[in-house]
Amino acid sequence: MTTSVVSIVYVNDAPAAARFYGDLLGMSPSLETPGYITFDLGPGADLALWSGQFEDLSPDVPRTSEVCLAISGGGPDEINAIFKQWQSKGITILHQPRDAGFGMTFLAADPDGNRIRVAPKD
């Protein structure tokens, strides 16, 4: 059996969210429909953006899960450089970079309020 993990992020507007995530990831979607768009993140891993499942998602609603972008070779300098790049793009920053014991990390949000963590890859 072939197994793949698909992380689904619920959004208000899948094409707009795909532009946002495509810019962050530096890649184009692997599958596009009007309300469901995926990014192939490598063997066995996909990120899916799905709209129409919930009406009027609000950034004000607390989120309890995160998409984590694990950066290979993500030392403090690289994590801080990504942080500054995201700040310059106007991305909402929820927590400034800090050492969390496993390395430097920070937390941001997409336009729908979904949490995005940047951290070093183990």
PDB file of N, CA and C in Angstrom:
ATOM      1  N   MET A   1       0.848  -1.174   0.000  1.00  0.00           N
ATOM      2  CA  MET A   1       0.000   0.000   0.000  1.00  0.00           C
ATOM      3  C   MET A   1       0.897   1.242   0.000  1.00  0.00           C
ATOM      4  N   THR A   2       0.601   2.164  -0.882  1.00  0.00           N
ATOM      5  CA  THR A   2       1.302   3.432  -0.925  1.00  0.00           C
ATOM      6  C   THR A   2       0.547   4.430  -0.057  1.00  0.00           C
ATOM      7  N   THR A   3       1.260   5.083   0.820  1.00  0.00           N
ATOM      8  CA  THR A   3       0.644   6.039   1.723  1.00  0.00           C
ATOM      9  C   THR A   3       1.185   7.427   1.450  1.00  0.00           C
ATOM     10  N   SER A   4       0.292   8.385   1.453  1.00  0.00           N
ATOM     11  CA  SER A   4       0.672   9.781   1.307  1.00  0.00           C
ATOM     12  C   SER A   4      -0.046  10.574   2.383  1.00  0.00           C
ATOM     13  N   VAL A   5       0.630  11.545   2.945  1.00  0.00           N
ATOM     14  CA  VAL A   5       0.022  12.414   3.936  1.00  0.00           C
ATOM     15  C   VAL A   5      -0.342  13.721   3.244  1.00  0.00           C
ATOM     16  N   VAL A   6      -1.612  14.076   3.300  1.00  0.00           N
ATOM     17  CA  VAL A   6      -2.086  15.325   2.715  1.00  0.00           C
ATOM     18  C   VAL A   6      -2.548  16.214   3.861  1.00  0.00           C
ATOM     19  N   SER A   7      -1.878  17.334   4.039  1.00  0.00           N
ATOM     20  CA  SER A   7      -2.296  18.314   5.037  1.00  0.00           C
ATOM     21  C   SER A   7      -3.270  19.265   4.370  1.00  0.00           C
ATOM     22  N   ILE A   8      -4.490  19.344   4.888  1.00  0.00           N
ATOM     23  CA  ILE A   8      -5.527  20.181   4.292  1.00  0.00           C
ATOM     24  C   ILE A   8      -5.667  21.463   5.103  1.00  0.00           C
ATOM     25  N   VAL A   9      -5.619  22.584   4.402  1.00  0.00           N
ATOM     26  CA  VAL A   9      -5.812  23.895   5.009  1.00  0.00           C
ATOM     27  C   VAL A   9      -7.091  24.468   4.423  1.00  0.00           C
ATOM     28  N   TYR A  10      -8.059  24.777   5.282  1.00  0.00           N
ATOM     29  CA  TYR A  10      -9.323  25.338   4.825  1.00  0.00           C
ATOM     30  C   TYR A  10      -9.167  26.839   4.609  1.00  0.00           C
ATOM     31  N   VAL A  11      -9.612  27.300   3.456  1.00  0.00           N
ATOM     32  CA  VAL A  11      -9.451  28.701   3.065  1.00  0.00           C
ATOM     33  C   VAL A  11     -10.744  29.228   2.465  1.00  0.00           C
ATOM     34  N   ASN A  12     -10.890  30.544   2.397  1.00  0.00           N
ATOM     35  CA  ASN A  12     -12.062  31.159   1.779  1.00  0.00           C
ATOM     36  C   ASN A  12     -11.986  31.126   0.259  1.00  0.00           C
ATOM     37  N   ASP A  13     -10.802  31.311  -0.295  1.00  0.00           N
ATOM     38  CA  ASP A  13     -10.620  31.443  -1.738  1.00  0.00           C
ATOM     39  C   ASP A  13      -9.394  30.630  -2.123  1.00  0.00           C
ATOM     40  N   ALA A  14      -9.612  29.413  -2.655  1.00  0.00           N
ATOM     41  CA  ALA A  14      -8.499  28.512  -2.967  1.00  0.00           C
ATOM     42  C   ALA A  14      -7.502  29.119  -3.958  1.00  0.00           C
ATOM     43  N   PRO A  15      -7.937  29.742  -5.065  1.00  0.00           N
ATOM     44  CA  PRO A  15      -6.950  30.327  -5.980  1.00  0.00           C
ATOM     45  C   PRO A  15      -6.108  31.433  -5.335  1.00  0.00           C
ATOM     46  N   ALA A  16      -6.725  32.278  -4.512  1.00  0.00           N
ATOM     47  CA  ALA A  16      -5.964  33.335  -3.824  1.00  0.00           C
ATOM     48  C   ALA A  16      -4.990  32.706  -2.827  1.00  0.00           C
ATOM     49  N   ALA A  17      -5.446  31.702  -2.089  1.00  0.00           N
ATOM     50  CA  ALA A  17      -4.571  31.027  -1.139  1.00  0.00           C
ATOM     51  C   ALA A  17      -3.420  30.328  -1.866  1.00  0.00           C
ATOM     52  N   ALA A  18      -3.704  29.764  -3.043  1.00  0.00           N
ATOM     53  CA  ALA A  18      -2.647  29.099  -3.815  1.00  0.00           C
ATOM     54  C   ALA A  18      -1.582  30.102  -4.255  1.00  0.00           C
ATOM     55  N   ARG A  19      -1.983  31.310  -4.612  1.00  0.00           N
ATOM     56  CA  ARG A  19      -0.985  32.336  -4.960  1.00  0.00           C
ATOM     57  C   ARG A  19      -0.124  32.663  -3.740  1.00  0.00           C
ATOM     58  N   PHE A  20      -0.748  32.796  -2.576  1.00  0.00           N
ATOM     59  CA  PHE A  20      -0.030  33.089  -1.331  1.00  0.00           C
ATOM     60  C   PHE A  20       0.969  31.972  -1.013  1.00  0.00           C
ATOM     61  N   TYR A  21       0.489  30.726  -0.965  1.00  0.00           N
ATOM     62  CA  TYR A  21       1.362  29.603  -0.621  1.00  0.00           C
ATOM     63  C   TYR A  21       2.385  29.328  -1.718  1.00  0.00           C
ATOM     64  N   GLY A  22       2.003  29.486  -2.968  1.00  0.00           N
ATOM     65  CA  GLY A  22       2.957  29.298  -4.069  1.00  0.00           C
ATOM     66  C   GLY A  22       4.132  30.252  -3.953  1.00  0.00           C
ATOM     67  N   ASP A  23       3.839  31.504  -3.565  1.00  0.00           N
ATOM     68  CA  ASP A  23       4.900  32.485  -3.365  1.00  0.00           C
ATOM     69  C   ASP A  23       5.793  32.079  -2.195  1.00  0.00           C
ATOM     70  N   LEU A  24       5.200  31.639  -1.084  1.00  0.00           N
ATOM     71  CA  LEU A  24       5.991  31.230   0.081  1.00  0.00           C
ATOM     72  C   LEU A  24       6.854  30.009  -0.215  1.00  0.00           C
ATOM     73  N   LEU A  25       6.277  29.041  -0.918  1.00  0.00           N
ATOM     74  CA  LEU A  25       6.975  27.786  -1.185  1.00  0.00           C
ATOM     75  C   LEU A  25       7.876  27.855  -2.408  1.00  0.00           C
ATOM     76  N   GLY A  26       7.675  28.858  -3.242  1.00  0.00           N
ATOM     77  CA  GLY A  26       8.457  28.959  -4.475  1.00  0.00           C
ATOM     78  C   GLY A  26       8.129  27.842  -5.453  1.00  0.00           C
ATOM     79  N   MET A  27       6.840  27.476  -5.523  1.00  0.00           N
ATOM     80  CA  MET A  27       6.436  26.402  -6.433  1.00  0.00           C
ATOM     81  C   MET A  27       5.016  26.628  -6.939  1.00  0.00           C
ATOM     82  N   SER A  28       4.673  25.892  -7.969  1.00  0.00           N
ATOM     83  CA  SER A  28       3.342  25.947  -8.556  1.00  0.00           C
ATOM     84  C   SER A  28       2.524  24.754  -8.076  1.00  0.00           C
ATOM     85  N   PRO A  29       1.206  24.895  -8.078  1.00  0.00           N
ATOM     86  CA  PRO A  29       0.354  23.770  -7.672  1.00  0.00           C
ATOM     87  C   PRO A  29       0.534  22.561  -8.582  1.00  0.00           C
ATOM     88  N   SER A  30       0.307  21.381  -8.019  1.00  0.00           N
ATOM     89  CA  SER A  30       0.365  20.142  -8.800  1.00  0.00           C
ATOM     90  C   SER A  30      -1.020  19.736  -9.295  1.00  0.00           C
ATOM     91  N   LEU A  31      -2.071  20.243  -8.648  1.00  0.00           N
ATOM     92  CA  LEU A  31      -3.460  19.972  -9.041  1.00  0.00           C
ATOM     93  C   LEU A  31      -4.269  21.228  -8.744  1.00  0.00           C
ATOM     94  N   GLU A  32      -5.085  21.648  -9.712  1.00  0.00           N
ATOM     95  CA  GLU A  32      -5.921  22.833  -9.513  1.00  0.00           C
ATOM     96  C   GLU A  32      -7.340  22.571  -9.966  1.00  0.00           C
ATOM     97  N   THR A  33      -8.293  22.753  -9.052  1.00  0.00           N
ATOM     98  CA  THR A  33      -9.708  22.804  -9.370  1.00  0.00           C
ATOM     99  C   THR A  33     -10.201  24.118  -8.770  1.00  0.00           C
ATOM    100  N   PRO A  34     -11.418  24.554  -9.052  1.00  0.00           N
ATOM    101  CA  PRO A  34     -11.858  25.841  -8.501  1.00  0.00           C
ATOM    102  C   PRO A  34     -11.807  25.934  -6.974  1.00  0.00           C
ATOM    103  N   GLY A  35     -12.033  24.836  -6.265  1.00  0.00           N
ATOM    104  CA  GLY A  35     -12.085  24.911  -4.807  1.00  0.00           C
ATOM    105  C   GLY A  35     -11.092  24.032  -4.077  1.00  0.00           C
ATOM    106  N   TYR A  36     -10.230  23.321  -4.823  1.00  0.00           N
ATOM    107  CA  TYR A  36      -9.276  22.409  -4.191  1.00  0.00           C
ATOM    108  C   TYR A  36      -7.990  22.437  -4.991  1.00  0.00           C
ATOM    109  N   ILE A  37      -6.916  22.864  -4.344  1.00  0.00           N
ATOM    110  CA  ILE A  37      -5.626  23.018  -5.019  1.00  0.00           C
ATOM    111  C   ILE A  37      -4.558  22.372  -4.149  1.00  0.00           C
ATOM    112  N   THR A  38      -3.675  21.577  -4.779  1.00  0.00           N
ATOM    113  CA  THR A  38      -2.625  20.908  -4.010  1.00  0.00           C
ATOM    114  C   THR A  38      -1.235  21.290  -4.504  1.00  0.00           C
ATOM    115  N   PHE A  39      -0.290  21.165  -3.573  1.00  0.00           N
ATOM    116  CA  PHE A  39       1.129  21.323  -3.866  1.00  0.00           C
ATOM    117  C   PHE A  39       1.815  20.010  -3.506  1.00  0.00           C
ATOM    118  N   ASP A  40       2.593  19.466  -4.422  1.00  0.00           N
ATOM    119  CA  ASP A  40       3.372  18.260  -4.173  1.00  0.00           C
ATOM    120  C   ASP A  40       4.638  18.676  -3.449  1.00  0.00           C
ATOM    121  N   LEU A  41       4.753  18.291  -2.184  1.00  0.00           N
ATOM    122  CA  LEU A  41       5.884  18.702  -1.364  1.00  0.00           C
ATOM    123  C   LEU A  41       7.025  17.687  -1.376  1.00  0.00           C
ATOM    124  N   GLY A  42       6.861  16.617  -2.116  1.00  0.00           N
ATOM    125  CA  GLY A  42       7.878  15.573  -2.178  1.00  0.00           C
ATOM    126  C   GLY A  42       7.226  14.227  -1.953  1.00  0.00           C
ATOM    127  N   PRO A  43       8.021  13.171  -1.980  1.00  0.00           N
ATOM    128  CA  PRO A  43       7.446  11.828  -1.844  1.00  0.00           C
ATOM    129  C   PRO A  43       6.587  11.678  -0.591  1.00  0.00           C
ATOM    130  N   GLY A  44       5.324  11.392  -0.810  1.00  0.00           N
ATOM    131  CA  GLY A  44       4.410  11.106   0.290  1.00  0.00           C
ATOM    132  C   GLY A  44       3.854  12.288   1.045  1.00  0.00           C
ATOM    133  N   ALA A  45       4.041  13.514   0.524  1.00  0.00           N
ATOM    134  CA  ALA A  45       3.549  14.690   1.253  1.00  0.00           C
ATOM    135  C   ALA A  45       2.960  15.722   0.293  1.00  0.00           C
ATOM    136  N   ASP A  46       1.751  16.159   0.601  1.00  0.00           N
ATOM    137  CA  ASP A  46       1.085  17.193  -0.183  1.00  0.00           C
ATOM    138  C   ASP A  46       0.456  18.216   0.755  1.00  0.00           C
ATOM    139  N   LEU A  47       0.345  19.440   0.273  1.00  0.00           N
ATOM    140  CA  LEU A  47      -0.390  20.494   0.965  1.00  0.00           C
ATOM    141  C   LEU A  47      -1.598  20.806   0.100  1.00  0.00           C
ATOM    142  N   ALA A  48      -2.802  20.713   0.688  1.00  0.00           N
ATOM    143  CA  ALA A  48      -4.033  20.982  -0.046  1.00  0.00           C
ATOM    144  C   ALA A  48      -4.721  22.216   0.524  1.00  0.00           C
ATOM    145  N   LEU A  49      -5.227  23.051  -0.356  1.00  0.00           N
ATOM    146  CA  LEU A  49      -6.007  24.237   0.013  1.00  0.00           C
ATOM    147  C   LEU A  49      -7.433  23.970  -0.449  1.00  0.00           C
ATOM    148  N   TRP A  50      -8.387  24.017   0.476  1.00  0.00           N
ATOM    149  CA  TRP A  50      -9.761  23.620   0.165  1.00  0.00           C
ATOM    150  C   TRP A  50     -10.716  24.714   0.606  1.00  0.00           C
ATOM    151  N   SER A  51     -11.475  25.242  -0.334  1.00  0.00           N
ATOM    152  CA  SER A  51     -12.481  26.254  -0.011  1.00  0.00           C
ATOM    153  C   SER A  51     -13.869  25.657  -0.177  1.00  0.00           C
ATOM    154  N   GLY A  52     -14.838  26.311   0.417  1.00  0.00           N
ATOM    155  CA  GLY A  52     -16.220  25.862   0.296  1.00  0.00           C
ATOM    156  C   GLY A  52     -16.643  24.887   1.366  1.00  0.00           C
ATOM    157  N   GLN A  53     -15.743  24.503   2.263  1.00  0.00           N
ATOM    158  CA  GLN A  53     -16.094  23.572   3.328  1.00  0.00           C
ATOM    159  C   GLN A  53     -16.665  24.306   4.536  1.00  0.00           C
ATOM    160  N   PHE A  54     -16.238  25.530   4.716  1.00  0.00           N
ATOM    161  CA  PHE A  54     -16.724  26.381   5.799  1.00  0.00           C
ATOM    162  C   PHE A  54     -16.977  27.746   5.190  1.00  0.00           C
ATOM    163  N   GLU A  55     -18.002  28.405   5.619  1.00  0.00           N
ATOM    164  CA  GLU A  55     -18.321  29.733   5.097  1.00  0.00           C
ATOM    165  C   GLU A  55     -17.646  30.811   5.928  1.00  0.00           C
ATOM    166  N   ASP A  56     -17.106  31.790   5.251  1.00  0.00           N
ATOM    167  CA  ASP A  56     -16.555  32.980   5.889  1.00  0.00           C
ATOM    168  C   ASP A  56     -15.575  32.677   7.020  1.00  0.00           C
ATOM    169  N   LEU A  57     -14.505  31.971   6.682  1.00  0.00           N
ATOM    170  CA  LEU A  57     -13.449  31.753   7.667  1.00  0.00           C
ATOM    171  C   LEU A  57     -12.905  33.105   8.098  1.00  0.00           C
ATOM    172  N   SER A  58     -12.656  33.257   9.367  1.00  0.00           N
ATOM    173  CA  SER A  58     -12.180  34.529   9.890  1.00  0.00           C
ATOM    174  C   SER A  58     -10.809  34.364  10.524  1.00  0.00           C
ATOM    175  N   PRO A  59      -9.880  35.278  10.233  1.00  0.00           N
ATOM    176  CA  PRO A  59      -8.576  35.227  10.896  1.00  0.00           C
ATOM    177  C   PRO A  59      -8.682  35.411  12.406  1.00  0.00           C
ATOM    178  N   ASP A  60      -9.817  35.932  12.890  1.00  0.00           N
ATOM    179  CA  ASP A  60      -9.991  36.189  14.318  1.00  0.00           C
ATOM    180  C   ASP A  60     -10.283  34.928  15.133  1.00  0.00           C
ATOM    181  N   VAL A  61     -10.685  33.843  14.463  1.00  0.00           N
ATOM    182  CA  VAL A  61     -10.995  32.602  15.166  1.00  0.00           C
ATOM    183  C   VAL A  61      -9.682  31.905  15.536  1.00  0.00           C
ATOM    184  N   PRO A  62      -9.490  31.559  16.812  1.00  0.00           N
ATOM    185  CA  PRO A  62      -8.244  30.892  17.213  1.00  0.00           C
ATOM    186  C   PRO A  62      -8.047  29.571  16.470  1.00  0.00           C
ATOM    187  N   ARG A  63      -6.819  29.303  16.081  1.00  0.00           N
ATOM    188  CA  ARG A  63      -6.476  28.053  15.396  1.00  0.00           C
ATOM    189  C   ARG A  63      -5.662  27.188  16.356  1.00  0.00           C
ATOM    190  N   THR A  64      -5.846  25.876  16.274  1.00  0.00           N
ATOM    191  CA  THR A  64      -5.126  24.966  17.155  1.00  0.00           C
ATOM    192  C   THR A  64      -4.141  24.080  16.406  1.00  0.00           C
ATOM    193  N   SER A  65      -4.035  24.253  15.106  1.00  0.00           N
ATOM    194  CA  SER A  65      -3.082  23.466  14.339  1.00  0.00           C
ATOM    195  C   SER A  65      -2.223  24.403  13.489  1.00  0.00           C
ATOM    196  N   GLU A  66      -1.137  23.870  12.976  1.00  0.00           N
ATOM    197  CA  GLU A  66      -0.210  24.665  12.176  1.00  0.00           C
ATOM    198  C   GLU A  66       0.277  23.852  10.983  1.00  0.00           C
ATOM    199  N   VAL A  67       0.603  24.541   9.922  1.00  0.00           N
ATOM    200  CA  VAL A  67       1.410  23.982   8.852  1.00  0.00           C
ATOM    201  C   VAL A  67       2.834  24.374   9.211  1.00  0.00           C
ATOM    202  N   CYS A  68       3.746  23.415   9.263  1.00  0.00           N
ATOM    203  CA  CYS A  68       5.135  23.730   9.597  1.00  0.00           C
ATOM    204  C   CYS A  68       5.991  23.561   8.360  1.00  0.00           C
ATOM    205  N   LEU A  69       6.677  24.626   7.992  1.00  0.00           N
ATOM    206  CA  LEU A  69       7.647  24.561   6.903  1.00  0.00           C
ATOM    207  C   LEU A  69       8.996  24.267   7.540  1.00  0.00           C
ATOM    208  N   ALA A  70       9.444  23.028   7.408  1.00  0.00           N
ATOM    209  CA  ALA A  70      10.704  22.584   8.007  1.00  0.00           C
ATOM    210  C   ALA A  70      11.818  22.863   7.002  1.00  0.00           C
ATOM    211  N   ILE A  71      12.740  23.720   7.401  1.00  0.00           N
ATOM    212  CA  ILE A  71      13.790  24.208   6.517  1.00  0.00           C
ATOM    213  C   ILE A  71      15.049  23.360   6.683  1.00  0.00           C
ATOM    214  N   SER A  72      15.486  22.709   5.592  1.00  0.00           N
ATOM    215  CA  SER A  72      16.735  21.942   5.628  1.00  0.00           C
ATOM    216  C   SER A  72      17.889  22.895   5.874  1.00  0.00           C
ATOM    217  N   GLY A  73      18.767  22.519   6.791  1.00  0.00           N
ATOM    218  CA  GLY A  73      19.901  23.376   7.124  1.00  0.00           C
ATOM    219  C   GLY A  73      19.463  24.673   7.769  1.00  0.00           C
ATOM    220  N   GLY A  74      18.269  24.658   8.391  1.00  0.00           N
ATOM    221  CA  GLY A  74      17.654  25.868   8.925  1.00  0.00           C
ATOM    222  C   GLY A  74      18.293  26.365  10.202  1.00  0.00           C
ATOM    223  N   GLY A  75      19.500  26.887  10.068  1.00  0.00           N
ATOM    224  CA  GLY A  75      20.133  27.507  11.216  1.00  0.00           C
ATOM    225  C   GLY A  75      19.498  28.851  11.514  1.00  0.00           C
ATOM    226  N   PRO A  76      19.889  29.465  12.620  1.00  0.00           N
ATOM    227  CA  PRO A  76      19.294  30.749  13.012  1.00  0.00           C
ATOM    228  C   PRO A  76      19.372  31.826  11.926  1.00  0.00           C
ATOM    229  N   ASP A  77      20.495  31.899  11.222  1.00  0.00           N
ATOM    230  CA  ASP A  77      20.628  32.932  10.185  1.00  0.00           C
ATOM    231  C   ASP A  77      19.616  32.724   9.065  1.00  0.00           C
ATOM    232  N   GLU A  78      19.417  31.468   8.652  1.00  0.00           N
ATOM    233  CA  GLU A  78      18.459  31.184   7.580  1.00  0.00           C
ATOM    234  C   GLU A  78      17.019  31.449   8.037  1.00  0.00           C
ATOM    235  N   ILE A  79      16.673  31.028   9.247  1.00  0.00           N
ATOM    236  CA  ILE A  79      15.327  31.260   9.773  1.00  0.00           C
ATOM    237  C   ILE A  79      15.069  32.765   9.883  1.00  0.00           C
ATOM    238  N   ASN A  80      16.051  33.523  10.394  1.00  0.00           N
ATOM    239  CA  ASN A  80      15.896  34.981  10.498  1.00  0.00           C
ATOM    240  C   ASN A  80      15.781  35.634   9.124  1.00  0.00           C
ATOM    241  N   ALA A  81      16.494  35.129   8.127  1.00  0.00           N
ATOM    242  CA  ALA A  81      16.396  35.682   6.770  1.00  0.00           C
ATOM    243  C   ALA A  81      15.000  35.455   6.196  1.00  0.00           C
ATOM    244  N   ILE A  82      14.431  34.272   6.418  1.00  0.00           N
ATOM    245  CA  ILE A  82      13.066  33.986   5.953  1.00  0.00           C
ATOM    246  C   ILE A  82      12.087  34.904   6.675  1.00  0.00           C
ATOM    247  N   PHE A  83      12.273  35.070   7.980  1.00  0.00           N
ATOM    248  CA  PHE A  83      11.421  35.962   8.754  1.00  0.00           C
ATOM    249  C   PHE A  83      11.432  37.375   8.169  1.00  0.00           C
ATOM    250  N   LYS A  84      12.595  37.916   7.896  1.00  0.00           N
ATOM    251  CA  LYS A  84      12.699  39.271   7.346  1.00  0.00           C
ATOM    252  C   LYS A  84      12.065  39.357   5.964  1.00  0.00           C
ATOM    253  N   GLN A  85      12.241  38.308   5.159  1.00  0.00           N
ATOM    254  CA  GLN A  85      11.621  38.277   3.829  1.00  0.00           C
ATOM    255  C   GLN A  85      10.102  38.296   3.953  1.00  0.00           C
ATOM    256  N   TRP A  86       9.553  37.485   4.856  1.00  0.00           N
ATOM    257  CA  TRP A  86       8.102  37.434   5.046  1.00  0.00           C
ATOM    258  C   TRP A  86       7.580  38.757   5.581  1.00  0.00           C
ATOM    259  N   GLN A  87       8.308  39.365   6.512  1.00  0.00           N
ATOM    260  CA  GLN A  87       7.921  40.679   7.023  1.00  0.00           C
ATOM    261  C   GLN A  87       7.843  41.689   5.890  1.00  0.00           C
ATOM    262  N   SER A  88       8.826  41.669   4.991  1.00  0.00           N
ATOM    263  CA  SER A  88       8.847  42.635   3.886  1.00  0.00           C
ATOM    264  C   SER A  88       7.688  42.418   2.923  1.00  0.00           C
ATOM    265  N   LYS A  89       7.132  41.204   2.888  1.00  0.00           N
ATOM    266  CA  LYS A  89       5.978  40.901   2.048  1.00  0.00           C
ATOM    267  C   LYS A  89       4.662  41.270   2.728  1.00  0.00           C
ATOM    268  N   GLY A  90       4.738  41.693   3.987  1.00  0.00           N
ATOM    269  CA  GLY A  90       3.532  42.072   4.718  1.00  0.00           C
ATOM    270  C   GLY A  90       2.773  40.895   5.302  1.00  0.00           C
ATOM    271  N   ILE A  91       3.413  39.741   5.409  1.00  0.00           N
ATOM    272  CA  ILE A  91       2.758  38.569   5.985  1.00  0.00           C
ATOM    273  C   ILE A  91       2.559  38.802   7.484  1.00  0.00           C
ATOM    274  N   THR A  92       1.404  38.423   7.991  1.00  0.00           N
ATOM    275  CA  THR A  92       1.091  38.590   9.409  1.00  0.00           C
ATOM    276  C   THR A  92       2.003  37.697  10.242  1.00  0.00           C
ATOM    277  N   ILE A  93       2.731  38.304  11.161  1.00  0.00           N
ATOM    278  CA  ILE A  93       3.619  37.577  12.062  1.00  0.00           C
ATOM    279  C   ILE A  93       2.923  37.463  13.422  1.00  0.00           C
ATOM    280  N   LEU A  94       2.775  36.227  13.908  1.00  0.00           N
ATOM    281  CA  LEU A  94       2.120  35.987  15.192  1.00  0.00           C
ATOM    282  C   LEU A  94       3.127  35.922  16.338  1.00  0.00           C
ATOM    283  N   HIS A  95       4.299  35.342  16.085  1.00  0.00           N
ATOM    284  CA  HIS A  95       5.356  35.268  17.092  1.00  0.00           C
ATOM    285  C   HIS A  95       6.688  35.520  16.402  1.00  0.00           C
ATOM    286  N   GLN A  96       7.490  36.391  16.973  1.00  0.00           N
ATOM    287  CA  GLN A  96       8.815  36.717  16.466  1.00  0.00           C
ATOM    288  C   GLN A  96       9.732  35.487  16.571  1.00  0.00           C
ATOM    289  N   PRO A  97      10.835  35.468  15.824  1.00  0.00           N
ATOM    290  CA  PRO A  97      11.782  34.354  15.946  1.00  0.00           C
ATOM    291  C   PRO A  97      12.285  34.202  17.382  1.00  0.00           C
ATOM    292  N   ARG A  98      12.384  32.934  17.790  1.00  0.00           N
ATOM    293  CA  ARG A  98      12.897  32.623  19.118  1.00  0.00           C
ATOM    294  C   ARG A  98      13.477  31.217  19.096  1.00  0.00           C
ATOM    295  N   ASP A  99      14.352  30.938  20.037  1.00  0.00           N
ATOM    296  CA  ASP A  99      14.916  29.601  20.172  1.00  0.00           C
ATOM    297  C   ASP A  99      13.939  28.778  20.994  1.00  0.00           C
ATOM    298  N   ALA A 100      13.422  27.701  20.410  1.00  0.00           N
ATOM    299  CA  ALA A 100      12.430  26.865  21.084  1.00  0.00           C
ATOM    300  C   ALA A 100      13.026  25.557  21.599  1.00  0.00           C
ATOM    301  N   GLY A 101      14.339  25.483  21.697  1.00  0.00           N
ATOM    302  CA  GLY A 101      14.978  24.259  22.171  1.00  0.00           C
ATOM    303  C   GLY A 101      15.380  23.344  21.026  1.00  0.00           C
ATOM    304  N   PHE A 102      14.549  23.248  19.999  1.00  0.00           N
ATOM    305  CA  PHE A 102      14.869  22.449  18.817  1.00  0.00           C
ATOM    306  C   PHE A 102      15.478  23.309  17.723  1.00  0.00           C
ATOM    307  N   GLY A 103      15.585  24.613  17.998  1.00  0.00           N
ATOM    308  CA  GLY A 103      16.154  25.547  17.035  1.00  0.00           C
ATOM    309  C   GLY A 103      15.320  26.818  16.953  1.00  0.00           C
ATOM    310  N   MET A 104      15.755  27.721  16.091  1.00  0.00           N
ATOM    311  CA  MET A 104      15.066  28.988  15.882  1.00  0.00           C
ATOM    312  C   MET A 104      13.763  28.735  15.129  1.00  0.00           C
ATOM    313  N   THR A 105      12.698  29.410  15.541  1.00  0.00           N
ATOM    314  CA  THR A 105      11.397  29.245  14.903  1.00  0.00           C
ATOM    315  C   THR A 105      10.605  30.543  15.014  1.00  0.00           C
ATOM    316  N   PHE A 106       9.655  30.727  14.090  1.00  0.00           N
ATOM    317  CA  PHE A 106       8.699  31.824  14.208  1.00  0.00           C
ATOM    318  C   PHE A 106       7.362  31.360  13.669  1.00  0.00           C
ATOM    319  N   LEU A 107       6.324  32.139  13.974  1.00  0.00           N
ATOM    320  CA  LEU A 107       4.967  31.762  13.605  1.00  0.00           C
ATOM    321  C   LEU A 107       4.311  32.908  12.847  1.00  0.00           C
ATOM    322  N   ALA A 108       3.683  32.563  11.725  1.00  0.00           N
ATOM    323  CA  ALA A 108       2.991  33.546  10.887  1.00  0.00           C
ATOM    324  C   ALA A 108       1.574  33.046  10.631  1.00  0.00           C
ATOM    325  N   ALA A 109       0.809  33.832   9.874  1.00  0.00           N
ATOM    326  CA  ALA A 109      -0.555  33.430   9.515  1.00  0.00           C
ATOM    327  C   ALA A 109      -0.804  33.749   8.053  1.00  0.00           C
ATOM    328  N   ASP A 110      -1.607  32.894   7.413  1.00  0.00           N
ATOM    329  CA  ASP A 110      -2.028  33.193   6.042  1.00  0.00           C
ATOM    330  C   ASP A 110      -3.201  34.177   6.103  1.00  0.00           C
ATOM    331  N   PRO A 111      -3.698  34.652   4.966  1.00  0.00           N
ATOM    332  CA  PRO A 111      -4.786  35.641   4.984  1.00  0.00           C
ATOM    333  C   PRO A 111      -6.075  35.158   5.665  1.00  0.00           C
ATOM    334  N   ASP A 112      -6.271  33.827   5.767  1.00  0.00           N
ATOM    335  CA  ASP A 112      -7.457  33.286   6.437  1.00  0.00           C
ATOM    336  C   ASP A 112      -7.227  33.035   7.921  1.00  0.00           C
ATOM    337  N   GLY A 113      -6.024  33.326   8.415  1.00  0.00           N
ATOM    338  CA  GLY A 113      -5.717  33.134   9.827  1.00  0.00           C
ATOM    339  C   GLY A 113      -5.095  31.791  10.156  1.00  0.00           C
ATOM    340  N   ASN A 114      -4.874  30.941   9.160  1.00  0.00           N
ATOM    341  CA  ASN A 114      -4.227  29.653   9.410  1.00  0.00           C
ATOM    342  C   ASN A 114      -2.771  29.879   9.793  1.00  0.00           C
ATOM    343  N   ARG A 115      -2.303  29.119  10.776  1.00  0.00           N
ATOM    344  CA  ARG A 115      -0.968  29.314  11.321  1.00  0.00           C
ATOM    345  C   ARG A 115       0.086  28.594  10.469  1.00  0.00           C
ATOM    346  N   ILE A 116       1.207  29.273  10.268  1.00  0.00           N
ATOM    347  CA  ILE A 116       2.331  28.714   9.518  1.00  0.00           C
ATOM    348  C   ILE A 116       3.588  28.890  10.367  1.00  0.00           C
ATOM    349  N   ARG A 117       4.184  27.789  10.772  1.00  0.00           N
ATOM    350  CA  ARG A 117       5.430  27.829  11.533  1.00  0.00           C
ATOM    351  C   ARG A 117       6.597  27.588  10.587  1.00  0.00           C
ATOM    352  N   VAL A 118       7.679  28.300  10.802  1.00  0.00           N
ATOM    353  CA  VAL A 118       8.935  28.046  10.113  1.00  0.00           C
ATOM    354  C   VAL A 118       9.913  27.582  11.175  1.00  0.00           C
ATOM    355  N   ALA A 119      10.526  26.417  10.928  1.00  0.00           N
ATOM    356  CA  ALA A 119      11.432  25.815  11.899  1.00  0.00           C
ATOM    357  C   ALA A 119      12.484  24.998  11.157  1.00  0.00           C
ATOM    358  N   PRO A 120      13.571  24.659  11.839  1.00  0.00           N
ATOM    359  CA  PRO A 120      14.583  23.834  11.192  1.00  0.00           C
ATOM    360  C   PRO A 120      14.087  22.399  11.030  1.00  0.00           C
ATOM    361  N   LYS A 121      14.550  21.763   9.971  1.00  0.00           N
ATOM    362  CA  LYS A 121      14.226  20.350   9.774  1.00  0.00           C
ATOM    363  C   LYS A 121      15.135  19.531  10.655  1.00  0.00           C
ATOM    364  N   ASP A 122      14.571  18.519  11.309  1.00  0.00           N
ATOM    365  CA  ASP A 122      15.363  17.665  12.210  1.00  0.00           C
ATOM    366  C   ASP A 122      16.498  17.016  11.470  1.00  0.00           C
TER     367      ASP A 122
END
